[in-house]
Amino acid sequence: MEVDEEETKTVENKDNQPKEFKNRQRVMLLCSRGITARHRHLMSDLQALLPHAKKDSKLDSKSKLYILNELADINNCNNCIYFEGRKHTDLYMWISKTPNGPSIKFHVTNIHTMSELHLTGNCLKGSRPIVSFDKTFDSTPHYKLIKEVLLHNFSTPTTSRRIKPFVDHVITFSIVDGRIWFRNYQIVEKDDGTKKEKEMSLVEIGPRFVLQVMRIFDGSFCGSTLYKNGEFVSPNMIRRFQKQEMSMKYNARVNKNLDHAKRLEEANNLPSDPLDEVFK
């Protein structure tokens, strides 16, 4: 009887203990059809930086984005990063918390992949990064929401199967001119032997890109608009203004040439002199 009572006590103690919280963040990474080679290389660089990411095949439809919630559920992922290409030039990034949201749509510019930069920084594949945010993220409510969503997608949990037990690089998000700048740095430690503390420095690894917020939606790839960036100008409007400016320059040049030809014609048409017929 004594043995049975002790066993029951141990079971009760084990049951009364609070369960440890485990960060089970998994990210599904995929793109749409029609993206360029540079956009595809950027997605490959992000997949190498995120050991808890799962890459899926390209999505055929660009209008039925709610399918991504089902794909994330099939792949056992609760986050999704979706790259949407338009007109083989523009790249948009969707970051969502599936299946209930919220979701954020960014316009990606100033893309530089690791193969283009040829930087000296390097890190172990599968190592966990330190995710650093600018203090501006705590200034407004929509930046706080963006910070939380980015943290869930880019911070690698300790429970991931493919991680290495090292922290040797830093992922930074900085806000400059209303845009979010992404950078990835290697942590370099220098030990001279004279000082007790090691000198630490940062060496950039890559890739580089800039995110501009377009909209924040209540649901995952759908729902009502929580925030709309009034300063955002679509690339189509920018190209339209550039074409209008070029056409105005062309029209001004054509009008100038017509005026020059008209002045030459007026200069050559001199009035007739009556004395020209005297010596005939």
C-alpha atoms as a PDB file:
ATOM      1  CA  MET A   1       0.000   0.000   0.000  1.00  0.00           C
ATOM      2  CA  GLU A   2       2.824   2.364   0.776  1.00  0.00           C
ATOM      3  CA  VAL A   3       4.323   1.826  -2.663  1.00  0.00           C
ATOM      4  CA  ASP A   4       0.983   2.520  -4.347  1.00  0.00           C
ATOM      5  CA  GLU A   5       0.504   5.754  -2.395  1.00  0.00           C
ATOM      6  CA  GLU A   6       3.983   6.983  -3.332  1.00  0.00           C
ATOM      7  CA  GLU A   7       3.354   6.200  -6.981  1.00  0.00           C
ATOM      8  CA  THR A   8       0.067   8.107  -6.927  1.00  0.00           C
ATOM      9  CA  LYS A   9       1.792  11.079  -5.283  1.00  0.00           C
ATOM     10  CA  THR A  10       4.472  11.199  -7.958  1.00  0.00           C
ATOM     11  CA  VAL A  11       1.829  11.075 -10.683  1.00  0.00           C
ATOM     12  CA  GLU A  12      -0.075  13.905  -9.023  1.00  0.00           C
ATOM     13  CA  ASN A  13       3.075  15.995  -8.757  1.00  0.00           C
ATOM     14  CA  LYS A  14       3.854  15.439 -12.413  1.00  0.00           C
ATOM     15  CA  ASP A  15       0.315  16.343 -13.425  1.00  0.00           C
ATOM     16  CA  ASN A  16       0.274  19.482 -11.286  1.00  0.00           C
ATOM     17  CA  GLN A  17       3.440  20.847 -12.873  1.00  0.00           C
ATOM     18  CA  PRO A  18       2.757  23.500 -15.522  1.00  0.00           C
ATOM     19  CA  LYS A  19       3.699  22.473 -19.015  1.00  0.00           C
ATOM     20  CA  GLU A  20       6.598  24.269 -20.633  1.00  0.00           C
ATOM     21  CA  PHE A  21       5.741  26.661 -23.468  1.00  0.00           C
ATOM     22  CA  LYS A  22       7.185  25.580 -26.800  1.00  0.00           C
ATOM     23  CA  ASN A  23       7.526  28.014 -29.650  1.00  0.00           C
ATOM     24  CA  ARG A  24       6.248  26.059 -32.638  1.00  0.00           C
ATOM     25  CA  GLN A  25       6.524  28.637 -35.386  1.00  0.00           C
ATOM     26  CA  ARG A  26       6.772  27.164 -38.876  1.00  0.00           C
ATOM     27  CA  VAL A  27       6.859  29.233 -42.045  1.00  0.00           C
ATOM     28  CA  MET A  28       5.646  28.194 -45.486  1.00  0.00           C
ATOM     29  CA  LEU A  29       7.634  29.895 -48.260  1.00  0.00           C
ATOM     30  CA  LEU A  30       6.359  30.012 -51.827  1.00  0.00           C
ATOM     31  CA  CYS A  31       5.925  32.308 -54.829  1.00  0.00           C
ATOM     32  CA  SER A  32       3.653  32.892 -57.791  1.00  0.00           C
ATOM     33  CA  ARG A  33       4.348  32.131 -61.412  1.00  0.00           C
ATOM     34  CA  GLY A  34       5.988  34.824 -63.483  1.00  0.00           C
ATOM     35  CA  ILE A  35       8.706  35.947 -61.052  1.00  0.00           C
ATOM     36  CA  THR A  36      12.144  36.752 -62.397  1.00  0.00           C
ATOM     37  CA  ALA A  37      15.429  34.987 -61.640  1.00  0.00           C
ATOM     38  CA  ARG A  38      16.474  37.678 -59.161  1.00  0.00           C
ATOM     39  CA  HIS A  39      13.221  37.289 -57.233  1.00  0.00           C
ATOM     40  CA  ARG A  40      13.665  33.520 -57.178  1.00  0.00           C
ATOM     41  CA  HIS A  41      17.228  33.862 -55.865  1.00  0.00           C
ATOM     42  CA  LEU A  42      15.985  36.194 -53.119  1.00  0.00           C
ATOM     43  CA  MET A  43      13.483  33.573 -52.018  1.00  0.00           C
ATOM     44  CA  SER A  44      16.243  30.944 -51.980  1.00  0.00           C
ATOM     45  CA  ASP A  45      18.405  33.214 -49.807  1.00  0.00           C
ATOM     46  CA  LEU A  46      15.572  33.644 -47.311  1.00  0.00           C
ATOM     47  CA  GLN A  47      14.993  29.899 -47.234  1.00  0.00           C
ATOM     48  CA  ALA A  48      18.671  29.383 -46.359  1.00  0.00           C
ATOM     49  CA  LEU A  49      18.361  31.934 -43.519  1.00  0.00           C
ATOM     50  CA  LEU A  50      15.187  30.383 -42.071  1.00  0.00           C
ATOM     51  CA  PRO A  51      15.732  26.743 -41.021  1.00  0.00           C
ATOM     52  CA  HIS A  52      12.121  26.519 -39.834  1.00  0.00           C
ATOM     53  CA  ALA A  53      10.764  27.366 -43.311  1.00  0.00           C
ATOM     54  CA  LYS A  54       9.199  24.904 -45.731  1.00  0.00           C
ATOM     55  CA  LYS A  55       9.287  25.661 -49.441  1.00  0.00           C
ATOM     56  CA  ASP A  56       6.267  24.820 -51.543  1.00  0.00           C
ATOM     57  CA  SER A  57       5.648  24.778 -55.287  1.00  0.00           C
ATOM     58  CA  LYS A  58       4.562  27.838 -57.232  1.00  0.00           C
ATOM     59  CA  LEU A  59       0.990  29.031 -56.936  1.00  0.00           C
ATOM     60  CA  ASP A  60      -0.867  29.262 -60.242  1.00  0.00           C
ATOM     61  CA  SER A  61      -3.702  31.593 -59.212  1.00  0.00           C
ATOM     62  CA  LYS A  62      -3.077  35.206 -58.177  1.00  0.00           C
ATOM     63  CA  SER A  63      -6.692  35.993 -57.281  1.00  0.00           C
ATOM     64  CA  LYS A  64      -7.617  33.043 -55.024  1.00  0.00           C
ATOM     65  CA  LEU A  65      -5.073  33.661 -52.287  1.00  0.00           C
ATOM     66  CA  TYR A  66      -7.240  32.009 -49.648  1.00  0.00           C
ATOM     67  CA  ILE A  67      -5.856  28.702 -50.986  1.00  0.00           C
ATOM     68  CA  LEU A  68      -2.627  29.543 -49.146  1.00  0.00           C
ATOM     69  CA  ASN A  69      -4.367  28.967 -45.815  1.00  0.00           C
ATOM     70  CA  GLU A  70      -5.205  25.399 -46.850  1.00  0.00           C
ATOM     71  CA  LEU A  71      -1.669  24.794 -48.116  1.00  0.00           C
ATOM     72  CA  ALA A  72      -0.216  26.079 -44.838  1.00  0.00           C
ATOM     73  CA  ASP A  73      -2.531  23.751 -42.909  1.00  0.00           C
ATOM     74  CA  ILE A  74      -1.451  20.787 -45.052  1.00  0.00           C
ATOM     75  CA  ASN A  75       2.228  21.622 -44.469  1.00  0.00           C
ATOM     76  CA  ASN A  76       1.608  22.092 -40.717  1.00  0.00           C
ATOM     77  CA  CYS A  77       2.675  25.755 -40.851  1.00  0.00           C
ATOM     78  CA  ASN A  78       1.179  28.667 -38.936  1.00  0.00           C
ATOM     79  CA  ASN A  79       3.004  31.421 -40.891  1.00  0.00           C
ATOM     80  CA  CYS A  80       3.267  32.126 -44.602  1.00  0.00           C
ATOM     81  CA  ILE A  81       5.571  34.272 -46.760  1.00  0.00           C
ATOM     82  CA  TYR A  82       4.255  34.577 -50.306  1.00  0.00           C
ATOM     83  CA  PHE A  83       6.084  36.374 -53.140  1.00  0.00           C
ATOM     84  CA  GLU A  84       3.795  37.724 -55.846  1.00  0.00           C
ATOM     85  CA  GLY A  85       5.297  38.847 -59.145  1.00  0.00           C
ATOM     86  CA  ARG A  86       3.586  41.316 -61.462  1.00  0.00           C
ATOM     87  CA  LYS A  87       4.534  42.162 -65.078  1.00  0.00           C
ATOM     88  CA  HIS A  88       7.922  40.422 -64.637  1.00  0.00           C
ATOM     89  CA  THR A  89       9.241  43.554 -62.914  1.00  0.00           C
ATOM     90  CA  ASP A  90       7.358  44.234 -59.673  1.00  0.00           C
ATOM     91  CA  LEU A  91       7.600  42.037 -56.578  1.00  0.00           C
ATOM     92  CA  TYR A  92       5.148  42.027 -53.683  1.00  0.00           C
ATOM     93  CA  MET A  93       5.576  40.142 -50.415  1.00  0.00           C
ATOM     94  CA  TRP A  94       2.673  38.830 -48.351  1.00  0.00           C
ATOM     95  CA  ILE A  95       3.397  37.915 -44.715  1.00  0.00           C
ATOM     96  CA  SER A  96       0.502  36.292 -42.911  1.00  0.00           C
ATOM     97  CA  LYS A  97      -0.434  34.485 -39.720  1.00  0.00           C
ATOM     98  CA  THR A  98      -2.490  31.582 -41.018  1.00  0.00           C
ATOM     99  CA  PRO A  99      -5.348  30.813 -40.840  1.00  0.00           C
ATOM    100  CA  ASN A 100      -6.900  33.713 -38.888  1.00  0.00           C
ATOM    101  CA  GLY A 101      -4.594  36.609 -39.756  1.00  0.00           C
ATOM    102  CA  PRO A 102      -3.522  39.344 -39.748  1.00  0.00           C
ATOM    103  CA  SER A 103      -1.724  39.636 -43.078  1.00  0.00           C
ATOM    104  CA  ILE A 104       0.508  42.401 -44.452  1.00  0.00           C
ATOM    105  CA  LYS A 105       1.236  43.235 -48.076  1.00  0.00           C
ATOM    106  CA  PHE A 106       4.612  44.843 -48.882  1.00  0.00           C
ATOM    107  CA  HIS A 107       6.177  46.203 -52.047  1.00  0.00           C
ATOM    108  CA  VAL A 108       9.747  44.919 -52.341  1.00  0.00           C
ATOM    109  CA  THR A 109      12.389  47.201 -53.892  1.00  0.00           C
ATOM    110  CA  ASN A 110      16.185  47.558 -53.991  1.00  0.00           C
ATOM    111  CA  ILE A 111      16.749  43.802 -54.176  1.00  0.00           C
ATOM    112  CA  HIS A 112      20.330  42.531 -53.939  1.00  0.00           C
ATOM    113  CA  THR A 113      20.919  38.803 -53.533  1.00  0.00           C
ATOM    114  CA  MET A 114      23.929  37.175 -51.890  1.00  0.00           C
ATOM    115  CA  SER A 115      25.296  36.022 -55.244  1.00  0.00           C
ATOM    116  CA  GLU A 116      25.311  39.620 -56.514  1.00  0.00           C
ATOM    117  CA  LEU A 117      26.886  41.284 -53.474  1.00  0.00           C
ATOM    118  CA  HIS A 118      29.934  38.991 -52.960  1.00  0.00           C
ATOM    119  CA  LEU A 119      30.308  40.150 -49.353  1.00  0.00           C
ATOM    120  CA  THR A 120      32.876  38.694 -46.970  1.00  0.00           C
ATOM    121  CA  GLY A 121      30.379  37.820 -44.217  1.00  0.00           C
ATOM    122  CA  ASN A 122      29.392  34.218 -43.634  1.00  0.00           C
ATOM    123  CA  CYS A 123      27.351  32.195 -41.146  1.00  0.00           C
ATOM    124  CA  LEU A 124      26.540  28.587 -40.423  1.00  0.00           C
ATOM    125  CA  LYS A 125      23.553  27.278 -42.351  1.00  0.00           C
ATOM    126  CA  GLY A 126      20.796  26.462 -39.888  1.00  0.00           C
ATOM    127  CA  SER A 127      22.027  28.678 -37.057  1.00  0.00           C
ATOM    128  CA  ARG A 128      19.534  30.772 -35.096  1.00  0.00           C
ATOM    129  CA  PRO A 129      19.616  34.553 -35.757  1.00  0.00           C
ATOM    130  CA  ILE A 130      19.224  37.477 -33.397  1.00  0.00           C
ATOM    131  CA  VAL A 131      16.298  39.531 -34.739  1.00  0.00           C
ATOM    132  CA  SER A 132      16.822  43.245 -34.085  1.00  0.00           C
ATOM    133  CA  PHE A 133      14.238  45.995 -34.620  1.00  0.00           C
ATOM    134  CA  ASP A 134      14.539  49.751 -34.796  1.00  0.00           C
ATOM    135  CA  LYS A 135      13.027  51.737 -31.920  1.00  0.00           C
ATOM    136  CA  THR A 136      10.638  53.340 -34.421  1.00  0.00           C
ATOM    137  CA  PHE A 137       8.639  50.099 -34.443  1.00  0.00           C
ATOM    138  CA  ASP A 138       7.313  50.989 -30.980  1.00  0.00           C
ATOM    139  CA  SER A 139       6.071  54.435 -32.034  1.00  0.00           C
ATOM    140  CA  THR A 140       2.766  53.648 -33.787  1.00  0.00           C
ATOM    141  CA  PRO A 141       0.224  50.800 -33.505  1.00  0.00           C
ATOM    142  CA  HIS A 142       0.627  49.547 -37.082  1.00  0.00           C
ATOM    143  CA  TYR A 143       4.417  49.363 -36.697  1.00  0.00           C
ATOM    144  CA  LYS A 144       3.927  47.342 -33.490  1.00  0.00           C
ATOM    145  CA  LEU A 145       1.749  44.897 -35.397  1.00  0.00           C
ATOM    146  CA  ILE A 146       4.296  44.671 -38.222  1.00  0.00           C
ATOM    147  CA  LYS A 147       7.055  44.017 -35.678  1.00  0.00           C
ATOM    148  CA  GLU A 148       5.109  41.156 -34.100  1.00  0.00           C
ATOM    149  CA  VAL A 149       4.356  39.516 -37.456  1.00  0.00           C
ATOM    150  CA  LEU A 150       7.973  39.832 -38.625  1.00  0.00           C
ATOM    151  CA  LEU A 151       9.187  38.421 -35.310  1.00  0.00           C
ATOM    152  CA  HIS A 152       6.987  35.337 -35.685  1.00  0.00           C
ATOM    153  CA  ASN A 153       8.256  34.706 -39.218  1.00  0.00           C
ATOM    154  CA  PHE A 154      11.978  35.473 -38.946  1.00  0.00           C
ATOM    155  CA  SER A 155      12.808  34.308 -35.407  1.00  0.00           C
ATOM    156  CA  THR A 156      13.820  30.650 -35.445  1.00  0.00           C
ATOM    157  CA  PRO A 157      12.347  28.636 -32.536  1.00  0.00           C
ATOM    158  CA  THR A 158      14.538  26.359 -30.440  1.00  0.00           C
ATOM    159  CA  THR A 159      12.242  23.409 -31.184  1.00  0.00           C
ATOM    160  CA  SER A 160      13.009  23.387 -34.904  1.00  0.00           C
ATOM    161  CA  ARG A 161      14.563  20.149 -36.091  1.00  0.00           C
ATOM    162  CA  ARG A 162      17.023  21.617 -38.587  1.00  0.00           C
ATOM    163  CA  ILE A 163      18.631  24.280 -36.404  1.00  0.00           C
ATOM    164  CA  LYS A 164      22.237  24.283 -35.243  1.00  0.00           C
ATOM    165  CA  PRO A 165      23.071  25.230 -31.626  1.00  0.00           C
ATOM    166  CA  PHE A 166      24.813  28.459 -32.639  1.00  0.00           C
ATOM    167  CA  VAL A 167      23.899  32.143 -32.780  1.00  0.00           C
ATOM    168  CA  ASP A 168      26.322  33.753 -35.218  1.00  0.00           C
ATOM    169  CA  HIS A 169      24.336  36.315 -37.241  1.00  0.00           C
ATOM    170  CA  VAL A 170      21.925  39.215 -36.739  1.00  0.00           C
ATOM    171  CA  ILE A 171      18.862  40.087 -38.839  1.00  0.00           C
ATOM    172  CA  THR A 172      17.994  43.776 -38.547  1.00  0.00           C
ATOM    173  CA  PHE A 173      14.852  45.687 -39.550  1.00  0.00           C
ATOM    174  CA  SER A 174      15.289  49.468 -39.668  1.00  0.00           C
ATOM    175  CA  ILE A 175      12.770  52.143 -40.645  1.00  0.00           C
ATOM    176  CA  VAL A 176      14.174  54.932 -42.841  1.00  0.00           C
ATOM    177  CA  ASP A 177      12.053  57.270 -45.013  1.00  0.00           C
ATOM    178  CA  GLY A 178       8.900  55.324 -44.188  1.00  0.00           C
ATOM    179  CA  ARG A 179      10.347  52.044 -45.494  1.00  0.00           C
ATOM    180  CA  ILE A 180      11.646  48.930 -43.734  1.00  0.00           C
ATOM    181  CA  TRP A 181      15.272  48.066 -44.601  1.00  0.00           C
ATOM    182  CA  PHE A 182      16.380  44.435 -44.214  1.00  0.00           C
ATOM    183  CA  ARG A 183      20.017  43.587 -43.477  1.00  0.00           C
ATOM    184  CA  ASN A 184      21.820  40.424 -42.345  1.00  0.00           C
ATOM    185  CA  TYR A 185      25.163  40.612 -40.486  1.00  0.00           C
ATOM    186  CA  GLN A 186      27.661  38.082 -39.217  1.00  0.00           C
ATOM    187  CA  ILE A 187      28.844  38.343 -35.597  1.00  0.00           C
ATOM    188  CA  VAL A 188      32.660  38.302 -35.577  1.00  0.00           C
ATOM    189  CA  GLU A 189      34.522  37.858 -32.293  1.00  0.00           C
ATOM    190  CA  LYS A 190      38.169  38.892 -32.028  1.00  0.00           C
ATOM    191  CA  ASP A 191      40.269  37.497 -29.174  1.00  0.00           C
ATOM    192  CA  ASP A 192      43.633  39.223 -28.773  1.00  0.00           C
ATOM    193  CA  GLY A 193      44.474  37.421 -25.563  1.00  0.00           C
ATOM    194  CA  THR A 194      45.145  40.665 -23.712  1.00  0.00           C
ATOM    195  CA  LYS A 195      41.573  41.626 -22.861  1.00  0.00           C
ATOM    196  CA  LYS A 196      39.123  39.562 -20.857  1.00  0.00           C
ATOM    197  CA  GLU A 197      36.183  40.522 -23.046  1.00  0.00           C
ATOM    198  CA  LYS A 198      36.246  39.689 -26.737  1.00  0.00           C
ATOM    199  CA  GLU A 199      35.833  42.464 -29.265  1.00  0.00           C
ATOM    200  CA  MET A 200      32.753  41.952 -31.414  1.00  0.00           C
ATOM    201  CA  SER A 201      32.058  43.417 -34.835  1.00  0.00           C
ATOM    202  CA  LEU A 202      29.466  42.955 -37.590  1.00  0.00           C
ATOM    203  CA  VAL A 203      30.188  41.956 -41.182  1.00  0.00           C
ATOM    204  CA  GLU A 204      27.355  42.030 -43.692  1.00  0.00           C
ATOM    205  CA  ILE A 205      26.330  38.762 -45.326  1.00  0.00           C
ATOM    206  CA  GLY A 206      23.279  39.636 -47.422  1.00  0.00           C
ATOM    207  CA  PRO A 207      20.733  39.674 -48.958  1.00  0.00           C
ATOM    208  CA  ARG A 208      19.425  43.245 -49.039  1.00  0.00           C
ATOM    209  CA  PHE A 209      15.935  44.480 -49.789  1.00  0.00           C
ATOM    210  CA  VAL A 210      13.529  47.240 -48.786  1.00  0.00           C
ATOM    211  CA  LEU A 211       9.883  46.760 -47.800  1.00  0.00           C
ATOM    212  CA  GLN A 212       7.193  49.404 -48.181  1.00  0.00           C
ATOM    213  CA  VAL A 213       3.906  48.722 -46.443  1.00  0.00           C
ATOM    214  CA  MET A 214       0.859  48.812 -48.695  1.00  0.00           C
ATOM    215  CA  ARG A 215      -1.971  47.443 -46.549  1.00  0.00           C
ATOM    216  CA  ILE A 216      -2.635  45.457 -43.394  1.00  0.00           C
ATOM    217  CA  PHE A 217      -5.628  43.114 -43.522  1.00  0.00           C
ATOM    218  CA  ASP A 218      -7.669  41.714 -40.662  1.00  0.00           C
ATOM    219  CA  GLY A 219      -7.724  38.138 -41.981  1.00  0.00           C
ATOM    220  CA  SER A 220      -5.197  35.888 -43.651  1.00  0.00           C
ATOM    221  CA  PHE A 221      -4.913  37.080 -47.290  1.00  0.00           C
ATOM    222  CA  CYS A 222      -8.406  38.584 -46.977  1.00  0.00           C
ATOM    223  CA  GLY A 223     -10.618  40.598 -44.648  1.00  0.00           C
ATOM    224  CA  SER A 224     -11.125  44.254 -43.898  1.00  0.00           C
ATOM    225  CA  THR A 225      -8.321  46.803 -44.152  1.00  0.00           C
ATOM    226  CA  LEU A 226      -6.781  47.715 -40.803  1.00  0.00           C
ATOM    227  CA  TYR A 227      -4.195  50.139 -42.204  1.00  0.00           C
ATOM    228  CA  LYS A 228      -3.568  51.692 -45.621  1.00  0.00           C
ATOM    229  CA  ASN A 229      -0.391  53.545 -46.499  1.00  0.00           C
ATOM    230  CA  GLY A 230      -1.428  56.846 -48.044  1.00  0.00           C
ATOM    231  CA  GLU A 231       2.141  57.632 -49.163  1.00  0.00           C
ATOM    232  CA  PHE A 232       2.432  54.521 -51.317  1.00  0.00           C
ATOM    233  CA  VAL A 233       2.490  55.098 -55.069  1.00  0.00           C
ATOM    234  CA  SER A 234       2.068  52.042 -57.251  1.00  0.00           C
ATOM    235  CA  PRO A 235       4.832  51.193 -59.753  1.00  0.00           C
ATOM    236  CA  ASN A 236       2.298  51.486 -62.579  1.00  0.00           C
ATOM    237  CA  MET A 237       1.660  55.131 -61.698  1.00  0.00           C
ATOM    238  CA  ILE A 238       5.403  55.815 -61.506  1.00  0.00           C
ATOM    239  CA  ARG A 239       5.950  54.309 -64.957  1.00  0.00           C
ATOM    240  CA  ARG A 240       2.976  56.305 -66.261  1.00  0.00           C
ATOM    241  CA  PHE A 241       4.447  59.578 -64.969  1.00  0.00           C
ATOM    242  CA  GLN A 242       7.829  58.704 -66.475  1.00  0.00           C
ATOM    243  CA  LYS A 243       6.261  58.022 -69.882  1.00  0.00           C
ATOM    244  CA  GLN A 244       4.325  61.287 -69.700  1.00  0.00           C
ATOM    245  CA  GLU A 245       7.523  63.177 -68.906  1.00  0.00           C
ATOM    246  CA  MET A 246       9.327  61.508 -71.818  1.00  0.00           C
ATOM    247  CA  SER A 247       6.435  62.307 -74.184  1.00  0.00           C
ATOM    248  CA  MET A 248       6.449  65.944 -73.063  1.00  0.00           C
ATOM    249  CA  LYS A 249      10.177  66.173 -73.799  1.00  0.00           C
ATOM    250  CA  TYR A 250       9.637  64.604 -77.225  1.00  0.00           C
ATOM    251  CA  ASN A 251       6.776  66.971 -78.066  1.00  0.00           C
ATOM    252  CA  ALA A 252       8.855  69.979 -77.006  1.00  0.00           C
ATOM    253  CA  ARG A 253      11.730  68.826 -79.239  1.00  0.00           C
ATOM    254  CA  VAL A 254       9.424  68.318 -82.238  1.00  0.00           C
ATOM    255  CA  ASN A 255       7.837  71.756 -81.775  1.00  0.00           C
ATOM    256  CA  LYS A 256      11.279  73.329 -81.536  1.00  0.00           C
ATOM    257  CA  ASN A 257      12.323  71.721 -84.837  1.00  0.00           C
ATOM    258  CA  LEU A 258       9.124  72.938 -86.523  1.00  0.00           C
ATOM    259  CA  ASP A 259       9.693  76.479 -85.303  1.00  0.00           C
ATOM    260  CA  HIS A 260      13.268  76.387 -86.582  1.00  0.00           C
ATOM    261  CA  ALA A 261      12.149  75.195 -90.021  1.00  0.00           C
ATOM    262  CA  LYS A 262       9.482  77.914 -90.136  1.00  0.00           C
ATOM    263  CA  ARG A 263      12.035  80.623 -89.307  1.00  0.00           C
ATOM    264  CA  LEU A 264      14.364  79.363 -92.057  1.00  0.00           C
ATOM    265  CA  GLU A 265      11.529  79.426 -94.571  1.00  0.00           C
ATOM    266  CA  GLU A 266      10.620  82.976 -93.596  1.00  0.00           C
ATOM    267  CA  ALA A 267      14.256  84.051 -93.883  1.00  0.00           C
ATOM    268  CA  ASN A 268      14.581  82.622 -97.417  1.00  0.00           C
ATOM    269  CA  ASN A 269      11.340  84.222 -98.675  1.00  0.00           C
ATOM    270  CA  LEU A 270      12.730  87.752 -99.273  1.00  0.00           C
ATOM    271  CA  PRO A 271      10.489  90.467-100.865  1.00  0.00           C
ATOM    272  CA  SER A 272      10.963  90.966-104.643  1.00  0.00           C
ATOM    273  CA  ASP A 273      13.106  93.950-105.764  1.00  0.00           C
ATOM    274  CA  PRO A 274      11.699  95.926-108.819  1.00  0.00           C
ATOM    275  CA  LEU A 275      15.233  96.891-109.943  1.00  0.00           C
ATOM    276  CA  ASP A 276      16.114  93.259-110.652  1.00  0.00           C
ATOM    277  CA  GLU A 277      14.349  93.440-114.071  1.00  0.00           C
ATOM    278  CA  VAL A 278      16.149  96.637-115.299  1.00  0.00           C
ATOM    279  CA  PHE A 279      19.283  94.911-116.638  1.00  0.00           C
ATOM    280  CA  LYS A 280      17.502  91.973-118.299  1.00  0.00           C
END
